[in-house]
Amino acid sequence: MNAAQMEHYKQKLAFETDAWDLFEMLGRDEPVVVVDGRSAEAYARERIPGAVNLPHREISAETTASLDRSRLYVCYCGGSYRAHILL
């Protein structure tokens, strides 16, 4: 792997997390909001406690305008997690 590729993956990983990291963040009461990007039906069946539902197809500047910009938003959809600053 060359230096450019390494830098690419370092940058990418700066905005991604996994289930264990999220578990740890929630356990430390860090200012994180979990956003469930699945459908309302999937959210109703099962979700991470405290998660808010915002189906990924509805995420836009308008639907995120009222979000607290001091928080970290961790979005998950179908088992994958990505830390995003949506604002």
N, C-alpha and C. Protein backbone atom coordinates (compact mmCIF):
# COMPACT_ATOMS: atom_id res chain seq x y z
N MET A 1 0.85 -1.17 0.00
CA MET A 1 0.00 0.00 0.00
C MET A 1 0.90 1.23 0.00
N ASN A 2 0.60 2.16 -0.89
CA ASN A 2 1.41 3.38 -0.95
C ASN A 2 0.89 4.44 0.03
N ALA A 3 1.60 5.52 0.17
CA ALA A 3 1.26 6.57 1.14
C ALA A 3 -0.10 7.20 0.84
N ALA A 4 -0.42 7.39 -0.43
CA ALA A 4 -1.71 7.98 -0.79
C ALA A 4 -2.87 7.07 -0.39
N GLN A 5 -2.70 5.78 -0.60
CA GLN A 5 -3.74 4.83 -0.19
C GLN A 5 -3.90 4.82 1.32
N MET A 6 -2.80 4.82 2.04
CA MET A 6 -2.84 4.83 3.50
C MET A 6 -3.57 6.07 4.00
N GLU A 7 -3.28 7.20 3.42
CA GLU A 7 -3.93 8.45 3.83
C GLU A 7 -5.43 8.39 3.55
N HIS A 8 -5.79 7.82 2.41
CA HIS A 8 -7.20 7.67 2.06
C HIS A 8 -7.93 6.88 3.14
N TYR A 9 -7.39 5.75 3.55
CA TYR A 9 -8.06 4.92 4.55
C TYR A 9 -8.03 5.54 5.94
N LYS A 10 -6.99 6.27 6.27
CA LYS A 10 -6.96 6.98 7.56
C LYS A 10 -8.07 8.01 7.61
N GLN A 11 -8.26 8.75 6.52
CA GLN A 11 -9.32 9.75 6.46
C GLN A 11 -10.70 9.10 6.55
N LYS A 12 -10.87 8.00 5.85
CA LYS A 12 -12.15 7.29 5.87
C LYS A 12 -12.47 6.79 7.27
N LEU A 13 -11.51 6.20 7.94
CA LEU A 13 -11.73 5.65 9.28
C LEU A 13 -12.00 6.73 10.32
N ALA A 14 -11.60 7.96 10.05
CA ALA A 14 -11.88 9.05 10.98
C ALA A 14 -13.38 9.31 11.11
N PHE A 15 -14.16 8.83 10.15
CA PHE A 15 -15.60 9.06 10.15
C PHE A 15 -16.40 7.78 10.28
N GLU A 16 -15.76 6.70 10.66
CA GLU A 16 -16.47 5.43 10.83
C GLU A 16 -16.19 4.88 12.21
N THR A 17 -17.13 4.10 12.69
CA THR A 17 -17.00 3.44 13.98
C THR A 17 -17.61 2.06 13.85
N ASP A 18 -17.56 1.29 14.90
CA ASP A 18 -18.19 -0.02 14.87
C ASP A 18 -19.09 -0.17 16.09
N ALA A 19 -19.75 -1.30 16.18
CA ALA A 19 -20.72 -1.51 17.26
C ALA A 19 -20.07 -1.42 18.63
N TRP A 20 -18.86 -1.94 18.78
CA TRP A 20 -18.19 -1.89 20.08
C TRP A 20 -17.87 -0.45 20.47
N ASP A 21 -17.34 0.34 19.53
CA ASP A 21 -17.03 1.74 19.84
C ASP A 21 -18.29 2.49 20.25
N LEU A 22 -19.38 2.24 19.55
CA LEU A 22 -20.64 2.90 19.89
C LEU A 22 -21.10 2.48 21.29
N PHE A 23 -21.02 1.20 21.59
CA PHE A 23 -21.38 0.69 22.92
C PHE A 23 -20.57 1.41 24.00
N GLU A 24 -19.28 1.55 23.76
CA GLU A 24 -18.40 2.24 24.71
C GLU A 24 -18.79 3.71 24.86
N MET A 25 -19.06 4.38 23.76
CA MET A 25 -19.46 5.80 23.81
C MET A 25 -20.74 5.97 24.61
N LEU A 26 -21.71 5.11 24.36
CA LEU A 26 -22.98 5.20 25.09
C LEU A 26 -22.78 4.91 26.57
N GLY A 27 -21.91 3.97 26.89
CA GLY A 27 -21.63 3.64 28.28
C GLY A 27 -20.94 4.76 29.04
N ARG A 28 -20.20 5.60 28.32
CA ARG A 28 -19.51 6.73 28.94
C ARG A 28 -20.37 8.00 28.90
N ASP A 29 -21.60 7.87 28.47
CA ASP A 29 -22.51 9.02 28.35
C ASP A 29 -21.92 10.15 27.51
N GLU A 30 -21.22 9.78 26.46
CA GLU A 30 -20.70 10.80 25.55
C GLU A 30 -21.86 11.45 24.80
N PRO A 31 -21.69 12.68 24.34
CA PRO A 31 -22.77 13.39 23.66
C PRO A 31 -23.00 12.86 22.25
N VAL A 32 -23.51 11.64 22.17
CA VAL A 32 -23.73 10.98 20.89
C VAL A 32 -25.21 10.69 20.73
N VAL A 33 -25.70 10.87 19.53
CA VAL A 33 -27.08 10.55 19.19
C VAL A 33 -27.03 9.43 18.16
N VAL A 34 -27.74 8.35 18.43
CA VAL A 34 -27.80 7.24 17.51
C VAL A 34 -28.98 7.45 16.57
N VAL A 35 -28.71 7.46 15.29
CA VAL A 35 -29.75 7.64 14.27
C VAL A 35 -29.92 6.33 13.53
N ASP A 36 -31.12 5.78 13.62
CA ASP A 36 -31.46 4.54 12.92
C ASP A 36 -31.98 4.92 11.54
N GLY A 37 -31.21 4.60 10.52
CA GLY A 37 -31.55 4.99 9.16
C GLY A 37 -32.43 4.00 8.42
N ARG A 38 -32.93 2.99 9.15
CA ARG A 38 -33.79 2.00 8.51
C ARG A 38 -35.23 2.51 8.42
N SER A 39 -36.07 1.73 7.80
CA SER A 39 -37.48 2.11 7.66
C SER A 39 -38.15 2.21 9.02
N ALA A 40 -39.28 2.91 9.07
CA ALA A 40 -40.04 3.02 10.31
C ALA A 40 -40.49 1.65 10.80
N GLU A 41 -40.78 0.75 9.89
CA GLU A 41 -41.22 -0.60 10.27
C GLU A 41 -40.09 -1.37 10.95
N ALA A 42 -38.91 -1.31 10.39
CA ALA A 42 -37.75 -2.00 10.98
C ALA A 42 -37.42 -1.38 12.34
N TYR A 43 -37.49 -0.07 12.43
CA TYR A 43 -37.23 0.64 13.69
C TYR A 43 -38.23 0.20 14.76
N ALA A 44 -39.49 0.06 14.38
CA ALA A 44 -40.53 -0.35 15.34
C ALA A 44 -40.30 -1.77 15.87
N ARG A 45 -39.74 -2.64 15.04
CA ARG A 45 -39.48 -4.02 15.45
C ARG A 45 -38.33 -4.13 16.45
N GLU A 46 -37.26 -3.40 16.20
CA GLU A 46 -36.07 -3.52 17.03
C GLU A 46 -35.13 -2.36 16.74
N ARG A 47 -34.51 -1.85 17.79
CA ARG A 47 -33.59 -0.72 17.63
C ARG A 47 -32.65 -0.64 18.83
N ILE A 48 -31.62 0.15 18.68
CA ILE A 48 -30.72 0.44 19.79
C ILE A 48 -31.49 1.35 20.75
N PRO A 49 -31.49 1.04 22.04
CA PRO A 49 -32.21 1.89 23.00
C PRO A 49 -31.78 3.36 22.88
N GLY A 50 -32.76 4.24 22.80
CA GLY A 50 -32.50 5.67 22.69
C GLY A 50 -32.30 6.17 21.28
N ALA A 51 -32.23 5.28 20.30
CA ALA A 51 -32.01 5.71 18.92
C ALA A 51 -33.22 6.47 18.40
N VAL A 52 -32.96 7.40 17.51
CA VAL A 52 -34.04 8.12 16.82
C VAL A 52 -34.12 7.58 15.40
N ASN A 53 -35.30 7.58 14.85
CA ASN A 53 -35.49 7.05 13.51
C ASN A 53 -35.49 8.19 12.49
N LEU A 54 -34.61 8.08 11.52
CA LEU A 54 -34.57 9.00 10.39
C LEU A 54 -34.15 8.17 9.19
N PRO A 55 -35.14 7.59 8.47
CA PRO A 55 -34.80 6.74 7.33
C PRO A 55 -33.82 7.44 6.38
N HIS A 56 -32.83 6.69 5.94
CA HIS A 56 -31.74 7.30 5.16
C HIS A 56 -32.23 8.04 3.92
N ARG A 57 -33.32 7.62 3.36
CA ARG A 57 -33.85 8.31 2.17
C ARG A 57 -34.45 9.67 2.51
N GLU A 58 -34.66 9.92 3.80
CA GLU A 58 -35.24 11.19 4.24
C GLU A 58 -34.20 12.15 4.81
N ILE A 59 -32.93 11.73 4.88
CA ILE A 59 -31.90 12.59 5.44
C ILE A 59 -31.56 13.68 4.42
N SER A 60 -31.74 14.92 4.87
CA SER A 60 -31.46 16.06 4.00
C SER A 60 -31.17 17.27 4.89
N ALA A 61 -30.81 18.36 4.28
CA ALA A 61 -30.56 19.59 5.03
C ALA A 61 -31.82 20.00 5.80
N GLU A 62 -32.97 19.80 5.21
CA GLU A 62 -34.22 20.20 5.85
C GLU A 62 -34.54 19.31 7.05
N THR A 63 -34.37 17.98 6.93
CA THR A 63 -34.75 17.08 8.03
C THR A 63 -33.73 17.08 9.16
N THR A 64 -32.54 17.63 8.92
CA THR A 64 -31.53 17.68 9.97
C THR A 64 -31.30 19.09 10.50
N ALA A 65 -32.06 20.06 10.01
CA ALA A 65 -31.85 21.46 10.38
C ALA A 65 -31.97 21.71 11.87
N SER A 66 -32.82 20.97 12.57
CA SER A 66 -33.04 21.24 13.99
C SER A 66 -32.13 20.42 14.90
N LEU A 67 -31.22 19.63 14.34
CA LEU A 67 -30.34 18.82 15.17
C LEU A 67 -29.32 19.68 15.90
N ASP A 68 -28.99 19.27 17.11
CA ASP A 68 -28.01 19.95 17.96
C ASP A 68 -26.63 19.77 17.35
N ARG A 69 -26.03 20.83 16.90
CA ARG A 69 -24.76 20.76 16.20
C ARG A 69 -23.56 20.47 17.11
N SER A 70 -23.78 20.42 18.42
CA SER A 70 -22.69 20.09 19.33
C SER A 70 -22.59 18.60 19.59
N ARG A 71 -23.50 17.82 19.03
CA ARG A 71 -23.53 16.38 19.26
C ARG A 71 -22.91 15.63 18.09
N LEU A 72 -22.45 14.43 18.38
CA LEU A 72 -21.96 13.52 17.35
C LEU A 72 -23.12 12.61 16.99
N TYR A 73 -23.42 12.47 15.73
CA TYR A 73 -24.50 11.62 15.27
C TYR A 73 -23.91 10.36 14.64
N VAL A 74 -24.27 9.23 15.20
CA VAL A 74 -23.82 7.96 14.67
C VAL A 74 -25.02 7.32 13.98
N CYS A 75 -24.90 7.13 12.70
CA CYS A 75 -26.00 6.60 11.90
C CYS A 75 -25.75 5.13 11.59
N TYR A 76 -26.81 4.34 11.72
CA TYR A 76 -26.68 2.95 11.31
C TYR A 76 -27.88 2.56 10.48
N CYS A 77 -27.62 1.61 9.60
CA CYS A 77 -28.65 1.15 8.69
C CYS A 77 -28.30 -0.27 8.28
N GLY A 78 -29.12 -1.21 8.63
CA GLY A 78 -28.90 -2.58 8.22
C GLY A 78 -27.64 -3.22 8.77
N GLY A 79 -27.25 -2.85 9.97
CA GLY A 79 -26.11 -3.50 10.61
C GLY A 79 -24.78 -2.80 10.45
N SER A 80 -24.72 -1.76 9.64
CA SER A 80 -23.46 -1.03 9.52
C SER A 80 -23.56 0.29 10.27
N TYR A 81 -22.44 0.74 10.78
CA TYR A 81 -22.40 1.97 11.55
C TYR A 81 -21.45 2.93 10.88
N ARG A 82 -21.82 4.17 10.85
CA ARG A 82 -20.95 5.21 10.33
C ARG A 82 -21.16 6.45 11.19
N ALA A 83 -20.08 7.00 11.63
CA ALA A 83 -20.19 8.24 12.38
C ALA A 83 -20.22 9.37 11.36
N HIS A 84 -21.20 10.17 11.46
CA HIS A 84 -21.36 11.28 10.53
C HIS A 84 -21.65 12.55 11.29
N ILE A 85 -21.06 13.60 10.87
CA ILE A 85 -21.51 14.89 11.31
C ILE A 85 -22.40 15.37 10.19
N LEU A 86 -23.69 15.35 10.44
CA LEU A 86 -24.66 15.61 9.38
C LEU A 86 -24.85 17.09 9.12
N LEU A 87 -24.22 17.91 9.89
CA LEU A 87 -24.53 19.33 9.84
C LEU A 87 -23.48 20.13 9.13
